[in-house]
Amino acid sequence: MNQAFYEAVEDNPVIAAVKNMEGLEVCCSSEDIRVIFILFGDICSIGGIVERVKSSGKTAMVHLDLIQGLSAKEVAVEFLKKTTKADGIITTKAALIRKAQEFGMATVLRFFLIDSMALENIEKQQYSIKPDFIEVLPGVMPKVIQKIKRKSGIPIIAGGLIQDKESVMAALSAGAVSVSTTNQEVWFM
């Protein structure tokens, strides 16, 4: 477990997920936000985006699958590690989680829960990969969060469709350690 990342999430369970520079600037200017999920950028801009996050004293987690110009290959993790100061990655790809772990980066394995097969996939993968966190989307399913928490033992981040305090509280009460959201109103509740 990446202890620094875990402590940052524990300290403030609302993670700001940013999808543009405007949102990034709001996050970097806030003393309340400790962790930023970077959901945008390209191979040319990601270094500067991560540098902005780090210069504001925050944890930078890059959603590798969403960075234009990077492939879903392990070399993308190596590129990120060697050319930026990113603290970790978010991805849906198990091989990228393994590679990031080799580099000592924090890891979030993201799952889209669209049916019972996707839920079973979490159970299968979490035993072989052991990411620092599992992020489940949509995050507004308390019963499913409870089930995953019971079975996995890996801290859960609830993401997707978190739009109000009620959604945040339901996810946290169900066992998620935090929520991630692009909704700026939720960042500052």
Protein backbone atom coordinates (compact mmCIF):
# COMPACT_ATOMS: atom_id res chain seq x y z
CA MET A 1 0.00 0.00 0.00
CA ASN A 2 1.27 3.43 -0.92
CA GLN A 3 0.99 4.98 2.55
CA ALA A 4 1.31 8.65 1.54
CA PHE A 5 -1.51 8.31 -0.99
CA TYR A 6 -3.68 6.44 1.50
CA GLU A 7 -3.14 9.09 4.19
CA ALA A 8 -3.98 11.91 1.75
CA VAL A 9 -7.24 10.17 0.80
CA GLU A 10 -8.04 9.40 4.42
CA ASP A 11 -7.41 13.04 5.37
CA ASN A 12 -9.88 14.30 2.75
CA PRO A 13 -12.17 11.64 1.30
CA VAL A 14 -13.33 13.78 -1.64
CA ILE A 15 -10.91 13.47 -4.54
CA ALA A 16 -11.04 16.15 -7.21
CA ALA A 17 -11.08 14.62 -10.68
CA VAL A 18 -10.15 17.22 -13.29
CA LYS A 19 -10.88 17.13 -16.98
CA ASN A 20 -9.52 20.53 -18.07
CA MET A 21 -7.12 23.32 -17.11
CA GLU A 22 -9.83 25.43 -15.50
CA GLY A 23 -10.70 22.66 -13.06
CA LEU A 24 -7.01 22.03 -12.44
CA GLU A 25 -6.46 25.65 -11.44
CA VAL A 26 -9.42 25.56 -9.04
CA CYS A 27 -7.97 22.44 -7.37
CA CYS A 28 -4.43 23.72 -7.20
CA SER A 29 -5.62 26.96 -5.59
CA SER A 30 -7.54 25.16 -2.83
CA GLU A 31 -6.05 24.25 0.53
CA ASP A 32 -8.80 21.66 1.05
CA ILE A 33 -7.95 19.37 -1.87
CA ARG A 34 -5.10 16.92 -1.28
CA VAL A 35 -5.39 14.46 -4.19
CA ILE A 36 -6.09 15.24 -7.84
CA PHE A 37 -7.12 12.67 -10.44
CA ILE A 38 -5.88 13.99 -13.79
CA LEU A 39 -8.32 12.89 -16.51
CA PHE A 40 -7.00 14.93 -19.44
CA GLY A 41 -3.89 15.85 -21.35
CA ASP A 42 -1.63 14.45 -23.99
CA ILE A 43 1.90 13.22 -24.32
CA CYS A 44 3.13 16.80 -24.81
CA SER A 45 1.22 18.44 -21.94
CA ILE A 46 1.09 15.83 -19.18
CA GLY A 47 4.48 16.79 -17.73
CA GLY A 48 3.37 20.39 -17.23
CA ILE A 49 0.00 19.35 -15.83
CA VAL A 50 1.62 17.07 -13.27
CA GLU A 51 4.19 19.75 -12.42
CA ARG A 52 1.36 22.23 -11.70
CA VAL A 53 -0.27 19.74 -9.33
CA LYS A 54 2.99 18.91 -7.57
CA SER A 55 4.01 22.58 -7.24
CA SER A 56 0.76 23.18 -5.35
CA GLY A 57 1.72 20.44 -2.86
CA LYS A 58 -0.86 17.88 -3.96
CA THR A 59 -0.81 14.22 -4.93
CA ALA A 60 -0.96 13.75 -8.72
CA MET A 61 -2.70 10.62 -10.00
CA VAL A 62 -2.78 10.33 -13.79
CA HIS A 63 -5.53 8.36 -15.52
CA LEU A 64 -3.19 6.78 -18.02
CA ASP A 65 -5.97 5.48 -20.28
CA LEU A 66 -7.15 9.05 -20.96
CA ILE A 67 -3.83 10.65 -21.91
CA GLN A 68 -3.77 11.17 -25.66
CA GLY A 69 -0.72 9.82 -27.44
CA LEU A 70 0.07 7.17 -24.83
CA SER A 71 -0.74 3.58 -25.57
CA ALA A 72 -2.06 0.94 -23.19
CA LYS A 73 1.43 -0.58 -23.07
CA GLU A 74 3.74 -0.84 -20.08
CA VAL A 75 6.16 1.61 -21.68
CA ALA A 76 3.54 4.33 -21.09
CA VAL A 77 3.95 3.83 -17.33
CA GLU A 78 7.72 4.02 -17.69
CA PHE A 79 7.37 7.22 -19.74
CA LEU A 80 5.14 8.75 -17.07
CA LYS A 81 7.53 7.78 -14.26
CA LYS A 82 10.65 9.02 -16.02
CA THR A 83 9.29 12.27 -17.50
CA THR A 84 6.89 13.51 -14.82
CA LYS A 85 6.64 13.64 -11.05
CA ALA A 86 3.32 11.77 -11.00
CA ASP A 87 2.64 9.94 -7.75
CA GLY A 88 0.63 7.22 -9.41
CA ILE A 89 -1.74 6.01 -12.06
CA ILE A 90 -5.38 5.17 -12.57
CA THR A 91 -6.16 2.59 -15.24
CA THR A 92 -8.48 -0.21 -16.25
CA LYS A 93 -5.50 -2.33 -17.36
CA ALA A 94 -3.98 -4.89 -14.99
CA ALA A 95 -0.58 -4.95 -16.75
CA LEU A 96 -0.20 -1.20 -16.23
CA ILE A 97 -0.94 -1.58 -12.52
CA ARG A 98 1.80 -4.20 -12.21
CA LYS A 99 4.30 -1.99 -14.02
CA ALA A 100 3.46 1.03 -11.87
CA GLN A 101 3.94 -1.09 -8.75
CA GLU A 102 7.43 -2.02 -10.00
CA PHE A 103 8.21 1.70 -10.10
CA GLY A 104 6.79 2.29 -6.60
CA MET A 105 3.88 4.35 -7.89
CA ALA A 106 0.45 4.45 -6.24
CA THR A 107 -2.15 2.48 -8.17
CA VAL A 108 -5.89 2.69 -8.71
CA LEU A 109 -7.55 -0.06 -10.73
CA ARG A 110 -10.76 1.33 -12.21
CA PHE A 111 -13.79 -0.85 -12.92
CA PHE A 112 -16.98 0.07 -14.75
CA LEU A 113 -19.76 -1.95 -13.11
CA ILE A 114 -22.26 -2.52 -15.85
CA ASP A 115 -23.38 -6.03 -14.93
CA SER A 116 -22.70 -9.04 -12.69
CA MET A 117 -19.84 -10.19 -14.93
CA ALA A 118 -18.01 -6.93 -14.26
CA LEU A 119 -18.50 -7.50 -10.54
CA GLU A 120 -17.04 -11.00 -10.84
CA ASN A 121 -14.08 -9.54 -12.73
CA ILE A 122 -13.21 -7.42 -9.69
CA GLU A 123 -13.08 -10.53 -7.56
CA LYS A 124 -10.79 -12.32 -10.02
CA GLN A 125 -8.39 -9.46 -10.70
CA GLN A 126 -7.99 -8.04 -7.22
CA TYR A 127 -6.37 -11.26 -5.95
CA SER A 128 -3.71 -11.36 -8.64
CA ILE A 129 -2.96 -7.65 -8.97
CA LYS A 130 -3.51 -6.07 -5.53
CA PRO A 131 -3.75 -2.40 -6.49
CA ASP A 132 -3.60 0.18 -3.71
CA PHE A 133 -7.23 1.11 -4.43
CA ILE A 134 -10.13 -0.11 -6.51
CA GLU A 135 -12.28 2.60 -8.07
CA VAL A 136 -15.81 1.54 -8.95
CA LEU A 137 -18.00 3.44 -11.36
CA PRO A 138 -20.72 4.44 -11.02
CA GLY A 139 -20.13 5.19 -7.37
CA VAL A 140 -23.78 5.58 -6.44
CA MET A 141 -24.38 1.89 -5.68
CA PRO A 142 -24.04 1.42 -1.90
CA LYS A 143 -25.04 -2.26 -1.90
CA VAL A 144 -22.43 -3.11 -4.52
CA ILE A 145 -19.77 -1.10 -2.67
CA GLN A 146 -20.56 -3.06 0.50
CA LYS A 147 -20.23 -6.36 -1.35
CA ILE A 148 -16.89 -5.42 -2.93
CA LYS A 149 -15.56 -4.19 0.42
CA ARG A 150 -16.48 -7.48 2.12
CA LYS A 151 -14.83 -9.59 -0.55
CA SER A 152 -11.75 -7.60 -1.56
CA GLY A 153 -10.08 -6.06 1.47
CA ILE A 154 -8.73 -3.36 -0.87
CA PRO A 155 -9.77 0.25 -0.17
CA ILE A 156 -12.53 1.42 -2.49
CA ILE A 157 -12.97 4.76 -4.21
CA ALA A 158 -16.49 5.45 -5.49
CA GLY A 159 -16.46 7.48 -8.70
CA GLY A 160 -18.92 8.50 -11.34
CA LEU A 161 -22.26 10.22 -10.83
CA ILE A 162 -21.28 11.56 -7.38
CA GLN A 163 -23.23 14.81 -7.54
CA ASP A 164 -24.28 15.78 -4.02
CA LYS A 165 -23.63 15.31 -0.31
CA GLU A 166 -26.16 12.47 -0.15
CA SER A 167 -24.18 10.50 -2.79
CA VAL A 168 -20.92 11.13 -0.93
CA MET A 169 -22.34 10.05 2.42
CA ALA A 170 -24.01 6.94 0.95
CA ALA A 171 -20.76 5.80 -0.68
CA LEU A 172 -18.70 6.43 2.47
CA SER A 173 -21.31 4.76 4.69
CA ALA A 174 -21.26 1.72 2.39
CA GLY A 175 -17.53 1.30 2.96
CA ALA A 176 -15.78 3.42 0.33
CA VAL A 177 -12.79 5.27 1.80
CA SER A 178 -13.30 8.12 -0.62
CA VAL A 179 -15.16 9.39 -3.66
CA SER A 180 -13.84 10.94 -6.84
CA THR A 181 -15.83 13.47 -8.79
CA THR A 182 -15.49 16.09 -11.47
CA ASN A 183 -18.32 18.06 -9.84
CA GLN A 184 -16.65 21.16 -8.36
CA GLU A 185 -19.54 21.80 -5.96
CA VAL A 186 -18.86 18.44 -4.31
CA TRP A 187 -15.12 19.20 -3.99
CA PHE A 188 -15.91 21.96 -1.50
CA MET A 189 -18.80 20.57 0.53
